[in-house]
Amino acid sequence: MVKCPNCGIEAPADAPDCAGCGIIFAKFLAQRERERKEAAEFLARAEARPSAAAKNRRGRVAAVVLLLIWCGGLFWYYVDALNELDERVQSDLRARSRASAPAVSPR
């Protein structure tokens, strides 16, 4: 005797279907086997994918790298601006010192 997986009624071992609910045992077993294979494939794909923690780590690393690049560019910009300002101030000082220097007459 075999117990029906759907309704629980006892059926003869060689019966093709259940007398109580009409389920066909061969189709039921084939469906169950397909579901097991699909579950195994799904789990294999899930294990092959990177974890959420690894994805988050890569995102954080990328954000830090971009932030460092941005800070470097900002630093470069301000250093260049300060150098340019210093050159202008030095040029103005040279021009003023030439203008205020007494004229030397040739002898």
C-alpha atoms as a PDB file:
ATOM      1  CA  MET A   1       0.000   0.000   0.000  1.00  0.00           C
ATOM      2  CA  VAL A   2       1.092   3.553  -0.823  1.00  0.00           C
ATOM      3  CA  LYS A   3      -0.151   6.679   0.906  1.00  0.00           C
ATOM      4  CA  CYS A   4      -1.307   9.464  -1.455  1.00  0.00           C
ATOM      5  CA  PRO A   5       0.915  12.558  -1.018  1.00  0.00           C
ATOM      6  CA  ASN A   6      -2.048  14.837  -1.737  1.00  0.00           C
ATOM      7  CA  CYS A   7      -4.940  13.515   0.331  1.00  0.00           C
ATOM      8  CA  GLY A   8      -3.357  10.760   2.479  1.00  0.00           C
ATOM      9  CA  ILE A   9      -5.635   7.884   1.392  1.00  0.00           C
ATOM     10  CA  GLU A  10      -4.045   4.444   1.186  1.00  0.00           C
ATOM     11  CA  ALA A  11      -3.786   3.200  -2.410  1.00  0.00           C
ATOM     12  CA  PRO A  12      -2.464  -0.082  -3.830  1.00  0.00           C
ATOM     13  CA  ALA A  13       1.273   0.071  -4.713  1.00  0.00           C
ATOM     14  CA  ASP A  14       0.620  -0.544  -8.415  1.00  0.00           C
ATOM     15  CA  ALA A  15      -2.251   1.968  -8.726  1.00  0.00           C
ATOM     16  CA  PRO A  16      -1.669   4.629 -11.435  1.00  0.00           C
ATOM     17  CA  ASP A  17      -3.789   7.232  -9.618  1.00  0.00           C
ATOM     18  CA  CYS A  18      -5.429   7.966  -6.265  1.00  0.00           C
ATOM     19  CA  ALA A  19      -8.981   6.773  -5.808  1.00  0.00           C
ATOM     20  CA  GLY A  20      -9.708   9.626  -3.394  1.00  0.00           C
ATOM     21  CA  CYS A  21      -8.434  12.755  -5.146  1.00  0.00           C
ATOM     22  CA  GLY A  22      -7.548  11.499  -8.638  1.00  0.00           C
ATOM     23  CA  ILE A  23      -3.918  12.557  -8.584  1.00  0.00           C
ATOM     24  CA  ILE A  24      -1.764  10.648 -11.076  1.00  0.00           C
ATOM     25  CA  PHE A  25       1.233   9.362  -9.144  1.00  0.00           C
ATOM     26  CA  ALA A  26       3.666   9.330 -12.091  1.00  0.00           C
ATOM     27  CA  LYS A  27       2.901  12.975 -12.950  1.00  0.00           C
ATOM     28  CA  PHE A  28       3.144  13.965  -9.304  1.00  0.00           C
ATOM     29  CA  LEU A  29       6.557  12.310  -8.921  1.00  0.00           C
ATOM     30  CA  ALA A  30       7.777  13.841 -12.199  1.00  0.00           C
ATOM     31  CA  GLN A  31       6.662  17.316 -11.007  1.00  0.00           C
ATOM     32  CA  ARG A  32       8.381  16.809  -7.657  1.00  0.00           C
ATOM     33  CA  GLU A  33      11.623  15.796  -9.417  1.00  0.00           C
ATOM     34  CA  ARG A  34      11.442  18.882 -11.691  1.00  0.00           C
ATOM     35  CA  GLU A  35      10.985  21.111  -8.634  1.00  0.00           C
ATOM     36  CA  ARG A  36      14.010  19.519  -6.928  1.00  0.00           C
ATOM     37  CA  LYS A  37      16.161  20.112 -10.027  1.00  0.00           C
ATOM     38  CA  GLU A  38      14.996  23.740 -10.315  1.00  0.00           C
ATOM     39  CA  ALA A  39      15.731  24.318  -6.630  1.00  0.00           C
ATOM     40  CA  ALA A  40      19.208  22.818  -7.009  1.00  0.00           C
ATOM     41  CA  GLU A  41      19.905  25.014 -10.081  1.00  0.00           C
ATOM     42  CA  PHE A  42      18.635  28.094  -8.252  1.00  0.00           C
ATOM     43  CA  LEU A  43      20.888  27.393  -5.274  1.00  0.00           C
ATOM     44  CA  ALA A  44      23.878  26.819  -7.557  1.00  0.00           C
ATOM     45  CA  ARG A  45      23.257  30.167  -9.290  1.00  0.00           C
ATOM     46  CA  ALA A  46      22.799  31.919  -5.935  1.00  0.00           C
ATOM     47  CA  GLU A  47      26.114  30.551  -4.671  1.00  0.00           C
ATOM     48  CA  ALA A  48      27.869  31.618  -7.889  1.00  0.00           C
ATOM     49  CA  ARG A  49      26.706  35.248  -7.519  1.00  0.00           C
ATOM     50  CA  PRO A  50      28.763  37.606  -5.364  1.00  0.00           C
ATOM     51  CA  SER A  51      27.296  38.263  -1.968  1.00  0.00           C
ATOM     52  CA  ALA A  52      25.621  41.527  -1.047  1.00  0.00           C
ATOM     53  CA  ALA A  53      28.496  42.305   1.322  1.00  0.00           C
ATOM     54  CA  ALA A  54      31.004  41.980  -1.532  1.00  0.00           C
ATOM     55  CA  LYS A  55      28.890  44.273  -3.705  1.00  0.00           C
ATOM     56  CA  ASN A  56      28.665  46.837  -0.899  1.00  0.00           C
ATOM     57  CA  ARG A  57      32.416  46.647  -0.333  1.00  0.00           C
ATOM     58  CA  ARG A  58      33.117  47.296  -4.008  1.00  0.00           C
ATOM     59  CA  GLY A  59      30.722  50.242  -3.952  1.00  0.00           C
ATOM     60  CA  ARG A  60      32.418  51.720  -0.915  1.00  0.00           C
ATOM     61  CA  VAL A  61      35.862  51.308  -2.434  1.00  0.00           C
ATOM     62  CA  ALA A  62      34.685  52.987  -5.635  1.00  0.00           C
ATOM     63  CA  ALA A  63      33.188  55.860  -3.631  1.00  0.00           C
ATOM     64  CA  VAL A  64      36.429  56.361  -1.674  1.00  0.00           C
ATOM     65  CA  VAL A  65      38.499  56.322  -4.866  1.00  0.00           C
ATOM     66  CA  LEU A  66      36.227  58.892  -6.499  1.00  0.00           C
ATOM     67  CA  LEU A  67      36.343  61.059  -3.381  1.00  0.00           C
ATOM     68  CA  LEU A  68      40.148  60.945  -3.349  1.00  0.00           C
ATOM     69  CA  ILE A  69      40.289  61.867  -7.037  1.00  0.00           C
ATOM     70  CA  TRP A  70      37.904  64.762  -6.417  1.00  0.00           C
ATOM     71  CA  CYS A  71      39.942  65.991  -3.422  1.00  0.00           C
ATOM     72  CA  GLY A  72      43.141  65.735  -5.461  1.00  0.00           C
ATOM     73  CA  GLY A  73      41.606  67.793  -8.253  1.00  0.00           C
ATOM     74  CA  LEU A  74      40.376  70.384  -5.789  1.00  0.00           C
ATOM     75  CA  PHE A  75      43.821  70.573  -4.164  1.00  0.00           C
ATOM     76  CA  TRP A  76      45.489  70.934  -7.573  1.00  0.00           C
ATOM     77  CA  TYR A  77      43.056  73.719  -8.537  1.00  0.00           C
ATOM     78  CA  TYR A  78      43.706  75.749  -5.367  1.00  0.00           C
ATOM     79  CA  VAL A  79      47.475  75.280  -5.493  1.00  0.00           C
ATOM     80  CA  ASP A  80      47.466  76.466  -9.093  1.00  0.00           C
ATOM     81  CA  ALA A  81      45.254  79.435  -8.181  1.00  0.00           C
ATOM     82  CA  LEU A  82      47.547  80.372  -5.279  1.00  0.00           C
ATOM     83  CA  ASN A  83      50.635  80.128  -7.499  1.00  0.00           C
ATOM     84  CA  GLU A  84      48.986  82.341 -10.086  1.00  0.00           C
ATOM     85  CA  LEU A  85      48.035  84.875  -7.396  1.00  0.00           C
ATOM     86  CA  ASP A  86      51.593  84.821  -6.030  1.00  0.00           C
ATOM     87  CA  GLU A  87      52.990  85.449  -9.515  1.00  0.00           C
ATOM     88  CA  ARG A  88      50.650  88.420  -9.978  1.00  0.00           C
ATOM     89  CA  VAL A  89      51.615  89.889  -6.604  1.00  0.00           C
ATOM     90  CA  GLN A  90      55.325  89.444  -7.349  1.00  0.00           C
ATOM     91  CA  SER A  91      54.862  91.064 -10.778  1.00  0.00           C
ATOM     92  CA  ASP A  92      53.019  94.011  -9.225  1.00  0.00           C
ATOM     93  CA  LEU A  93      55.749  94.453  -6.612  1.00  0.00           C
ATOM     94  CA  ARG A  94      58.467  94.458  -9.280  1.00  0.00           C
ATOM     95  CA  ALA A  95      56.514  96.996 -11.340  1.00  0.00           C
ATOM     96  CA  ARG A  96      56.040  99.268  -8.305  1.00  0.00           C
ATOM     97  CA  SER A  97      59.671  99.026  -7.281  1.00  0.00           C
ATOM     98  CA  ARG A  98      60.768  99.976 -10.798  1.00  0.00           C
ATOM     99  CA  ALA A  99      58.352 102.901 -10.848  1.00  0.00           C
ATOM    100  CA  SER A 100      59.442 104.211  -7.463  1.00  0.00           C
ATOM    101  CA  ALA A 101      63.182 103.731  -8.003  1.00  0.00           C
ATOM    102  CA  PRO A 102      65.013 106.980  -8.652  1.00  0.00           C
ATOM    103  CA  ALA A 103      65.996 107.550 -12.199  1.00  0.00           C
ATOM    104  CA  VAL A 104      69.689 107.152 -12.752  1.00  0.00           C
ATOM    105  CA  SER A 105      71.066 109.587 -15.295  1.00  0.00           C
ATOM    106  CA  PRO A 106      73.858 108.433 -17.520  1.00  0.00           C
ATOM    107  CA  ARG A 107      77.162 110.345 -17.210  1.00  0.00           C
END
